[in-house]
Amino acid sequence: MTTHLSLHCYLQDAPSERPQRCSDVTIEADPATLRAIAHFLLASADTFDQAQERAGMHAHLQDEWDGWQDDFPDLVVVAA
């Protein structure tokens, strides 16, 4: 398996049709939120790993986390 990682983001106050490549991402969160994000990432990895066809597969943190709040930025993972 080839390792792959790219990060993309939309800037909060700069409308854009497509996300921009990011050189790094900073997550500012309390420990419980970090654990929820970690759980989401692990569950997404398991789902992607078990899929027969990964093309187009993605998941949104806002759809999976009961603690989601409307003022949080979404975290989207896309299968490579």
C-alpha atoms as a PDB file:
ATOM      1  CA  MET A   1       0.000   0.000   0.000  1.00  0.00           C
ATOM      2  CA  THR A   2       1.281   3.443  -0.900  1.00  0.00           C
ATOM      3  CA  THR A   3       1.241   6.054   1.857  1.00  0.00           C
ATOM      4  CA  HIS A   4      -0.684   9.204   0.966  1.00  0.00           C
ATOM      5  CA  LEU A   5      -1.462  12.417   2.824  1.00  0.00           C
ATOM      6  CA  SER A   6      -2.602  15.776   1.542  1.00  0.00           C
ATOM      7  CA  LEU A   7      -4.340  18.504   3.509  1.00  0.00           C
ATOM      8  CA  HIS A   8      -6.832  20.959   2.040  1.00  0.00           C
ATOM      9  CA  CYS A   9      -8.831  23.708   3.683  1.00  0.00           C
ATOM     10  CA  TYR A  10     -11.310  26.472   3.136  1.00  0.00           C
ATOM     11  CA  LEU A  11     -10.414  29.727   4.876  1.00  0.00           C
ATOM     12  CA  GLN A  12     -13.163  30.934   7.184  1.00  0.00           C
ATOM     13  CA  ASP A  13     -13.415  34.480   5.805  1.00  0.00           C
ATOM     14  CA  ALA A  14     -12.294  33.886   2.223  1.00  0.00           C
ATOM     15  CA  PRO A  15     -14.932  32.344  -0.065  1.00  0.00           C
ATOM     16  CA  SER A  16     -13.518  29.788  -2.463  1.00  0.00           C
ATOM     17  CA  GLU A  17     -15.000  27.297  -4.906  1.00  0.00           C
ATOM     18  CA  ARG A  18     -12.323  24.701  -4.131  1.00  0.00           C
ATOM     19  CA  PRO A  19     -10.287  23.976  -1.030  1.00  0.00           C
ATOM     20  CA  GLN A  20      -6.691  25.171  -0.973  1.00  0.00           C
ATOM     21  CA  ARG A  21      -3.696  22.949  -0.190  1.00  0.00           C
ATOM     22  CA  CYS A  22      -2.492  23.490   3.375  1.00  0.00           C
ATOM     23  CA  SER A  23       1.073  23.049   4.529  1.00  0.00           C
ATOM     24  CA  ASP A  24      -0.066  22.300   8.072  1.00  0.00           C
ATOM     25  CA  VAL A  25      -3.177  22.174  10.221  1.00  0.00           C
ATOM     26  CA  THR A  26      -3.464  23.216  13.858  1.00  0.00           C
ATOM     27  CA  ILE A  27      -6.199  21.668  15.990  1.00  0.00           C
ATOM     28  CA  GLU A  28      -7.084  23.625  19.107  1.00  0.00           C
ATOM     29  CA  ALA A  29      -9.331  21.425  21.236  1.00  0.00           C
ATOM     30  CA  ASP A  30      -9.891  20.029  24.696  1.00  0.00           C
ATOM     31  CA  PRO A  31      -8.904  16.397  25.396  1.00  0.00           C
ATOM     32  CA  ALA A  32     -12.476  15.068  25.008  1.00  0.00           C
ATOM     33  CA  THR A  33     -12.797  16.688  21.581  1.00  0.00           C
ATOM     34  CA  LEU A  34      -9.404  15.334  20.516  1.00  0.00           C
ATOM     35  CA  ARG A  35     -10.570  11.868  21.547  1.00  0.00           C
ATOM     36  CA  ALA A  36     -13.785  12.275  19.543  1.00  0.00           C
ATOM     37  CA  ILE A  37     -11.739  13.305  16.495  1.00  0.00           C
ATOM     38  CA  ALA A  38      -9.390  10.349  17.010  1.00  0.00           C
ATOM     39  CA  HIS A  39     -12.361   7.981  17.248  1.00  0.00           C
ATOM     40  CA  PHE A  40     -13.795   9.458  14.029  1.00  0.00           C
ATOM     41  CA  LEU A  41     -10.469   9.035  12.219  1.00  0.00           C
ATOM     42  CA  LEU A  42     -10.051   5.437  13.389  1.00  0.00           C
ATOM     43  CA  ALA A  43     -13.640   4.526  12.478  1.00  0.00           C
ATOM     44  CA  SER A  44     -13.247   6.165   9.061  1.00  0.00           C
ATOM     45  CA  ALA A  45      -9.994   4.276   8.435  1.00  0.00           C
ATOM     46  CA  ASP A  46     -11.715   0.991   9.313  1.00  0.00           C
ATOM     47  CA  THR A  47     -14.651   1.780   7.007  1.00  0.00           C
ATOM     48  CA  PHE A  48     -12.356   2.741   4.125  1.00  0.00           C
ATOM     49  CA  ASP A  49     -10.196  -0.330   4.720  1.00  0.00           C
ATOM     50  CA  GLN A  50     -13.193  -2.677   4.511  1.00  0.00           C
ATOM     51  CA  ALA A  51     -14.700  -1.104   1.375  1.00  0.00           C
ATOM     52  CA  GLN A  52     -14.560  -2.984  -1.898  1.00  0.00           C
ATOM     53  CA  GLU A  53     -14.408   0.284  -3.873  1.00  0.00           C
ATOM     54  CA  ARG A  54     -13.047   3.409  -2.138  1.00  0.00           C
ATOM     55  CA  ALA A  55     -13.350   5.876  -5.017  1.00  0.00           C
ATOM     56  CA  GLY A  56     -15.284   8.895  -3.793  1.00  0.00           C
ATOM     57  CA  MET A  57     -15.634   7.623  -0.238  1.00  0.00           C
ATOM     58  CA  HIS A  58     -15.577  10.329   2.393  1.00  0.00           C
ATOM     59  CA  ALA A  59     -16.911  11.057   5.868  1.00  0.00           C
ATOM     60  CA  HIS A  60     -17.780  14.249   7.747  1.00  0.00           C
ATOM     61  CA  LEU A  61     -17.086  14.652  11.448  1.00  0.00           C
ATOM     62  CA  GLN A  62     -20.235  16.763  11.775  1.00  0.00           C
ATOM     63  CA  ASP A  63     -22.332  13.767  10.637  1.00  0.00           C
ATOM     64  CA  GLU A  64     -20.685  11.259  12.963  1.00  0.00           C
ATOM     65  CA  TRP A  65     -20.117  13.058  16.277  1.00  0.00           C
ATOM     66  CA  ASP A  66     -22.984  13.601  18.737  1.00  0.00           C
ATOM     67  CA  GLY A  67     -21.010  16.443  20.368  1.00  0.00           C
ATOM     68  CA  TRP A  68     -20.962  18.456  17.131  1.00  0.00           C
ATOM     69  CA  GLN A  69     -21.744  22.184  17.479  1.00  0.00           C
ATOM     70  CA  ASP A  70     -22.762  24.450  14.605  1.00  0.00           C
ATOM     71  CA  ASP A  71     -19.835  26.831  15.159  1.00  0.00           C
ATOM     72  CA  PHE A  72     -17.238  24.033  14.746  1.00  0.00           C
ATOM     73  CA  PRO A  73     -15.356  23.691  11.461  1.00  0.00           C
ATOM     74  CA  ASP A  74     -16.117  20.405   9.729  1.00  0.00           C
ATOM     75  CA  LEU A  75     -13.448  17.757   9.333  1.00  0.00           C
ATOM     76  CA  VAL A  76     -13.795  15.722   6.134  1.00  0.00           C
ATOM     77  CA  VAL A  77     -11.721  12.632   5.438  1.00  0.00           C
ATOM     78  CA  VAL A  78     -11.448  11.262   1.895  1.00  0.00           C
ATOM     79  CA  ALA A  79     -10.295   7.761   1.034  1.00  0.00           C
ATOM     80  CA  ALA A  80      -7.066   7.668  -0.969  1.00  0.00           C
END
